[in-house]
PDB file of all heavy atoms in Angstrom:
ATOM      1  N   GLY A   1       1.174  -7.275   9.417  1.00  0.00           N
ATOM      2  CA  GLY A   1       1.212  -6.398   8.254  1.00  0.00           C
ATOM      3  C   GLY A   1      -0.146  -5.825   7.977  1.00  0.00           C
ATOM      4  O   GLY A   1      -0.987  -5.710   8.887  1.00  0.00           O
ATOM      5  N   ALA A   2      -0.398  -5.523   6.693  1.00  0.00           N
ATOM      6  CA  ALA A   2      -1.660  -4.977   6.265  1.00  0.00           C
ATOM      7  C   ALA A   2      -1.839  -5.302   4.781  1.00  0.00           C
ATOM      8  O   ALA A   2      -0.920  -5.413   4.033  1.00  0.00           O
ATOM      9  CB  ALA A   2      -1.674  -3.370   6.451  1.00  0.00           C
ATOM     10  N   ILE A   3      -3.158  -5.393   4.402  1.00  0.00           N
ATOM     11  CA  ILE A   3      -3.548  -5.639   3.020  1.00  0.00           C
ATOM     12  C   ILE A   3      -4.552  -4.575   2.682  1.00  0.00           C
ATOM     13  O   ILE A   3      -5.574  -4.411   3.379  1.00  0.00           O
ATOM     14  CB  ILE A   3      -4.075  -7.039   2.799  1.00  0.00           C
ATOM     15  CG1 ILE A   3      -3.017  -8.073   3.192  1.00  0.00           C
ATOM     16  CG2 ILE A   3      -4.445  -7.178   1.321  1.00  0.00           C
ATOM     17  CD1 ILE A   3      -3.600  -9.547   3.107  1.00  0.00           C
ATOM     18  N   GLY A   4      -4.359  -3.843   1.585  1.00  0.00           N
ATOM     19  CA  GLY A   4      -5.279  -2.785   1.241  1.00  0.00           C
ATOM     20  C   GLY A   4      -5.220  -2.289  -0.200  1.00  0.00           C
ATOM     21  O   GLY A   4      -4.654  -2.996  -1.043  1.00  0.00           O
ATOM     22  N   VAL A   5      -5.758  -1.162  -0.405  1.00  0.00           N
ATOM     23  CA  VAL A   5      -5.903  -0.545  -1.769  1.00  0.00           C
ATOM     24  C   VAL A   5      -4.595   0.120  -2.151  1.00  0.00           C
ATOM     25  O   VAL A   5      -3.980   0.843  -1.320  1.00  0.00           O
ATOM     26  CB  VAL A   5      -6.999   0.509  -1.789  1.00  0.00           C
ATOM     27  CG1 VAL A   5      -7.014   1.196  -3.111  1.00  0.00           C
ATOM     28  CG2 VAL A   5      -8.387  -0.170  -1.462  1.00  0.00           C
ATOM     29  N   LEU A   6      -4.132  -0.134  -3.373  1.00  0.00           N
ATOM     30  CA  LEU A   6      -2.888   0.468  -3.832  1.00  0.00           C
ATOM     31  C   LEU A   6      -3.120   1.948  -4.019  1.00  0.00           C
ATOM     32  O   LEU A   6      -3.912   2.402  -4.802  1.00  0.00           O
ATOM     33  CB  LEU A   6      -2.519  -0.204  -5.151  1.00  0.00           C
ATOM     34  CG  LEU A   6      -1.146   0.323  -5.773  1.00  0.00           C
ATOM     35  CD1 LEU A   6       0.014  -0.079  -4.815  1.00  0.00           C
ATOM     36  CD2 LEU A   6      -0.939  -0.361  -7.154  1.00  0.00           C
ATOM     37  N   ASP A   7      -2.251   2.814  -3.254  1.00  0.00           N
ATOM     38  CA  ASP A   7      -2.467   4.193  -3.314  1.00  0.00           C
ATOM     39  C   ASP A   7      -1.232   4.939  -3.774  1.00  0.00           C
ATOM     40  O   ASP A   7      -0.949   6.087  -3.501  1.00  0.00           O
ATOM     41  CB  ASP A   7      -2.741   4.738  -1.909  1.00  0.00           C
ATOM     42  CG  ASP A   7      -1.733   4.382  -0.847  1.00  0.00           C
ATOM     43  OD1 ASP A   7      -0.742   3.654  -1.237  1.00  0.00           O
ATOM     44  OD2 ASP A   7      -1.836   4.808   0.294  1.00  0.00           O
ATOM     45  N   ARG A   8      -0.363   4.187  -4.563  1.00  0.00           N
ATOM     46  CA  ARG A   8       0.841   4.703  -5.137  1.00  0.00           C
ATOM     47  C   ARG A   8       1.103   4.075  -6.498  1.00  0.00           C
ATOM     48  O   ARG A   8       0.523   2.989  -6.775  1.00  0.00           O
ATOM     49  CB  ARG A   8       2.056   4.512  -4.236  1.00  0.00           C
ATOM     50  CG  ARG A   8       2.270   3.152  -3.754  1.00  0.00           C
ATOM     51  CD  ARG A   8       3.392   3.029  -2.702  1.00  0.00           C
ATOM     52  NE  ARG A   8       3.537   1.687  -2.303  1.00  0.00           N
ATOM     53  CZ  ARG A   8       3.231   1.272  -1.000  1.00  0.00           C
ATOM     54  NH1 ARG A   8       2.694   2.126  -0.136  1.00  0.00           N
ATOM     55  NH2 ARG A   8       3.511  -0.027  -0.682  1.00  0.00           N
ATOM     56  N   PRO A   9       1.882   4.640  -7.406  1.00  0.00           N
ATOM     57  CA  PRO A   9       2.021   4.099  -8.730  1.00  0.00           C
ATOM     58  C   PRO A   9       2.714   2.777  -8.869  1.00  0.00           C
ATOM     59  O   PRO A   9       2.702   2.167  -9.888  1.00  0.00           O
ATOM     60  CB  PRO A   9       2.680   5.246  -9.503  1.00  0.00           C
ATOM     61  CG  PRO A   9       3.429   5.999  -8.465  1.00  0.00           C
ATOM     62  CD  PRO A   9       2.555   5.909  -7.215  1.00  0.00           C
ATOM     63  N   SER A  10       3.562   2.480  -7.841  1.00  0.00           N
ATOM     64  CA  SER A  10       4.362   1.247  -7.976  1.00  0.00           C
ATOM     65  C   SER A  10       4.629   0.626  -6.552  1.00  0.00           C
ATOM     66  O   SER A  10       4.113   1.189  -5.540  1.00  0.00           O
ATOM     67  CB  SER A  10       5.715   1.529  -8.678  1.00  0.00           C
ATOM     68  OG  SER A  10       6.402   2.458  -7.980  1.00  0.00           O
ATOM     69  N   HIS A  11       5.344  -0.414  -6.505  1.00  0.00           N
ATOM     70  CA  HIS A  11       5.854  -1.062  -5.251  1.00  0.00           C
ATOM     71  C   HIS A  11       4.621  -1.480  -4.401  1.00  0.00           C
ATOM     72  O   HIS A  11       4.424  -1.043  -3.296  1.00  0.00           O
ATOM     73  CB  HIS A  11       6.740  -0.179  -4.517  1.00  0.00           C
ATOM     74  CG  HIS A  11       7.909   0.309  -5.308  1.00  0.00           C
ATOM     75  ND1 HIS A  11       8.799  -0.484  -5.961  1.00  0.00           N
ATOM     76  CD2 HIS A  11       8.266   1.588  -5.614  1.00  0.00           C
ATOM     77  CE1 HIS A  11       9.692   0.181  -6.592  1.00  0.00           C
ATOM     78  NE2 HIS A  11       9.346   1.494  -6.428  1.00  0.00           N
ATOM     79  N   PRO A  12       3.745  -2.395  -4.962  1.00  0.00           N
ATOM     80  CA  PRO A  12       2.594  -2.808  -4.136  1.00  0.00           C
ATOM     81  C   PRO A  12       2.934  -3.701  -2.960  1.00  0.00           C
ATOM     82  O   PRO A  12       2.141  -3.761  -2.026  1.00  0.00           O
ATOM     83  CB  PRO A  12       1.723  -3.535  -5.143  1.00  0.00           C
ATOM     84  CG  PRO A  12       2.673  -4.034  -6.189  1.00  0.00           C
ATOM     85  CD  PRO A  12       3.759  -2.973  -6.285  1.00  0.00           C
ATOM     86  N   VAL A  13       4.055  -4.380  -2.993  1.00  0.00           N
ATOM     87  CA  VAL A  13       4.462  -5.253  -1.870  1.00  0.00           C
ATOM     88  C   VAL A  13       5.695  -4.659  -1.298  1.00  0.00           C
ATOM     89  O   VAL A  13       6.698  -4.447  -2.027  1.00  0.00           O
ATOM     90  CB  VAL A  13       4.630  -6.734  -2.341  1.00  0.00           C
ATOM     91  CG1 VAL A  13       5.124  -7.594  -1.161  1.00  0.00           C
ATOM     92  CG2 VAL A  13       3.389  -7.250  -2.967  1.00  0.00           C
ATOM     93  N   THR A  14       5.736  -4.454   0.049  1.00  0.00           N
ATOM     94  CA  THR A  14       6.896  -3.863   0.571  1.00  0.00           C
ATOM     95  C   THR A  14       7.004  -4.205   2.081  1.00  0.00           C
ATOM     96  O   THR A  14       6.079  -4.872   2.650  1.00  0.00           O
ATOM     97  CB  THR A  14       6.897  -2.343   0.463  1.00  0.00           C
ATOM     98  OG1 THR A  14       8.178  -1.799   0.836  1.00  0.00           O
ATOM     99  CG2 THR A  14       5.859  -1.717   1.281  1.00  0.00           C
ATOM    100  N   VAL A  15       8.098  -3.880   2.713  1.00  0.00           N
ATOM    101  CA  VAL A  15       8.275  -3.968   4.131  1.00  0.00           C
ATOM    102  C   VAL A  15       8.679  -2.640   4.632  1.00  0.00           C
ATOM    103  O   VAL A  15       9.219  -1.733   3.935  1.00  0.00           O
ATOM    104  CB  VAL A  15       9.289  -5.017   4.603  1.00  0.00           C
ATOM    105  CG1 VAL A  15       8.819  -6.395   4.333  1.00  0.00           C
ATOM    106  CG2 VAL A  15      10.678  -4.775   3.955  1.00  0.00           C
ATOM    107  N   TYR A  16       8.429  -2.385   5.949  1.00  0.00           N
ATOM    108  CA  TYR A  16       8.828  -1.110   6.610  1.00  0.00           C
ATOM    109  C   TYR A  16      10.042  -1.414   7.488  1.00  0.00           C
ATOM    110  O   TYR A  16      10.147  -2.442   8.131  1.00  0.00           O
ATOM    111  CB  TYR A  16       7.650  -0.528   7.369  1.00  0.00           C
ATOM    112  CG  TYR A  16       6.630   0.143   6.477  1.00  0.00           C
ATOM    113  CD1 TYR A  16       5.755  -0.572   5.699  1.00  0.00           C
ATOM    114  CD2 TYR A  16       6.572   1.516   6.431  1.00  0.00           C
ATOM    115  CE1 TYR A  16       4.850   0.036   4.863  1.00  0.00           C
ATOM    116  CE2 TYR A  16       5.657   2.172   5.600  1.00  0.00           C
ATOM    117  CZ  TYR A  16       4.835   1.376   4.813  1.00  0.00           C
ATOM    118  OH  TYR A  16       3.907   1.958   3.950  1.00  0.00           O
ATOM    119  N   ILE A  17      10.908  -0.472   7.517  1.00  0.00           N
ATOM    120  CA  ILE A  17      12.182  -0.524   8.223  1.00  0.00           C
ATOM    121  C   ILE A  17      12.100   0.405   9.420  1.00  0.00           C
ATOM    122  O   ILE A  17      11.759   1.575   9.212  1.00  0.00           O
ATOM    123  CB  ILE A  17      13.403  -0.258   7.369  1.00  0.00           C
ATOM    124  CG1 ILE A  17      13.383  -1.250   6.183  1.00  0.00           C
ATOM    125  CG2 ILE A  17      14.725  -0.344   8.152  1.00  0.00           C
ATOM    126  CD1 ILE A  17      14.465  -0.948   5.126  1.00  0.00           C
ATOM    127  N   GLN A  18      12.492  -0.041  10.593  1.00  0.00           N
ATOM    128  CA  GLN A  18      12.415   0.798  11.850  1.00  0.00           C
ATOM    129  C   GLN A  18      13.458   1.913  11.756  1.00  0.00           C
ATOM    130  O   GLN A  18      14.591   1.654  11.489  1.00  0.00           O
ATOM    131  CB  GLN A  18      12.606  -0.098  13.043  1.00  0.00           C
ATOM    132  CG  GLN A  18      12.458   0.650  14.373  1.00  0.00           C
ATOM    133  CD  GLN A  18      11.090   0.328  14.947  1.00  0.00           C
ATOM    134  OE1 GLN A  18      10.194  -0.166  14.271  1.00  0.00           O
ATOM    135  NE2 GLN A  18      10.900   0.546  16.199  1.00  0.00           N
ATOM    136  N   SER A  19      12.966   3.126  12.051  1.00  0.00           N
ATOM    137  CA  SER A  19      13.905   4.305  12.123  1.00  0.00           C
ATOM    138  C   SER A  19      13.433   5.217  13.237  1.00  0.00           C
ATOM    139  O   SER A  19      12.285   5.617  13.349  1.00  0.00           O
ATOM    140  CB  SER A  19      13.902   5.028  10.744  1.00  0.00           C
ATOM    141  OG  SER A  19      14.647   6.241  10.901  1.00  0.00           O
ATOM    142  N   ALA A  20      14.423   5.668  14.008  1.00  0.00           N
ATOM    143  CA  ALA A  20      14.081   6.615  15.079  1.00  0.00           C
ATOM    144  C   ALA A  20      14.268   8.063  14.578  1.00  0.00           C
ATOM    145  O   ALA A  20      13.807   8.984  15.249  1.00  0.00           O
ATOM    146  CB  ALA A  20      15.077   6.386  16.259  1.00  0.00           C
ATOM    147  N   ASP A  21      14.808   8.225  13.406  1.00  0.00           N
ATOM    148  CA  ASP A  21      15.092   9.568  12.861  1.00  0.00           C
ATOM    149  C   ASP A  21      14.770   9.538  11.378  1.00  0.00           C
ATOM    150  O   ASP A  21      15.619   9.171  10.531  1.00  0.00           O
ATOM    151  CB  ASP A  21      16.513  10.008  13.114  1.00  0.00           C
ATOM    152  CG  ASP A  21      16.768  11.441  12.697  1.00  0.00           C
ATOM    153  OD1 ASP A  21      16.079  11.999  11.881  1.00  0.00           O
ATOM    154  OD2 ASP A  21      17.747  12.059  13.308  1.00  0.00           O
ATOM    155  N   PHE A  22      13.537   9.809  10.962  1.00  0.00           N
ATOM    156  CA  PHE A  22      13.153   9.703   9.534  1.00  0.00           C
ATOM    157  C   PHE A  22      14.048  10.639   8.700  1.00  0.00           C
ATOM    158  O   PHE A  22      14.417  10.231   7.588  1.00  0.00           O
ATOM    159  CB  PHE A  22      11.721  10.067   9.345  1.00  0.00           C
ATOM    160  CG  PHE A  22      10.765   8.988   9.746  1.00  0.00           C
ATOM    161  CD1 PHE A  22      11.137   7.897  10.514  1.00  0.00           C
ATOM    162  CD2 PHE A  22       9.430   9.011   9.280  1.00  0.00           C
ATOM    163  CE1 PHE A  22      10.231   6.873  10.824  1.00  0.00           C
ATOM    164  CE2 PHE A  22       8.526   8.003   9.599  1.00  0.00           C
ATOM    165  CZ  PHE A  22       8.939   6.954  10.400  1.00  0.00           C
ATOM    166  N   GLY A  23      14.295  11.806   9.177  1.00  0.00           N
ATOM    167  CA  GLY A  23      15.051  12.822   8.391  1.00  0.00           C
ATOM    168  C   GLY A  23      16.461  12.227   8.022  1.00  0.00           C
ATOM    169  O   GLY A  23      16.904  12.331   6.834  1.00  0.00           O
ATOM    170  N   ALA A  24      17.121  11.703   9.080  1.00  0.00           N
ATOM    171  CA  ALA A  24      18.479  11.206   8.822  1.00  0.00           C
ATOM    172  C   ALA A  24      18.447  10.007   7.890  1.00  0.00           C
ATOM    173  O   ALA A  24      19.312   9.840   6.963  1.00  0.00           O
ATOM    174  CB  ALA A  24      19.075  10.810  10.122  1.00  0.00           C
TER     175      ALA A  24
END
């Protein structure tokens, strides 16, 4: 993972989900 500076207004802890087609 990664630990860093909060650059958005909410959701400081999250996971990323694998996707081959971001648009879909």
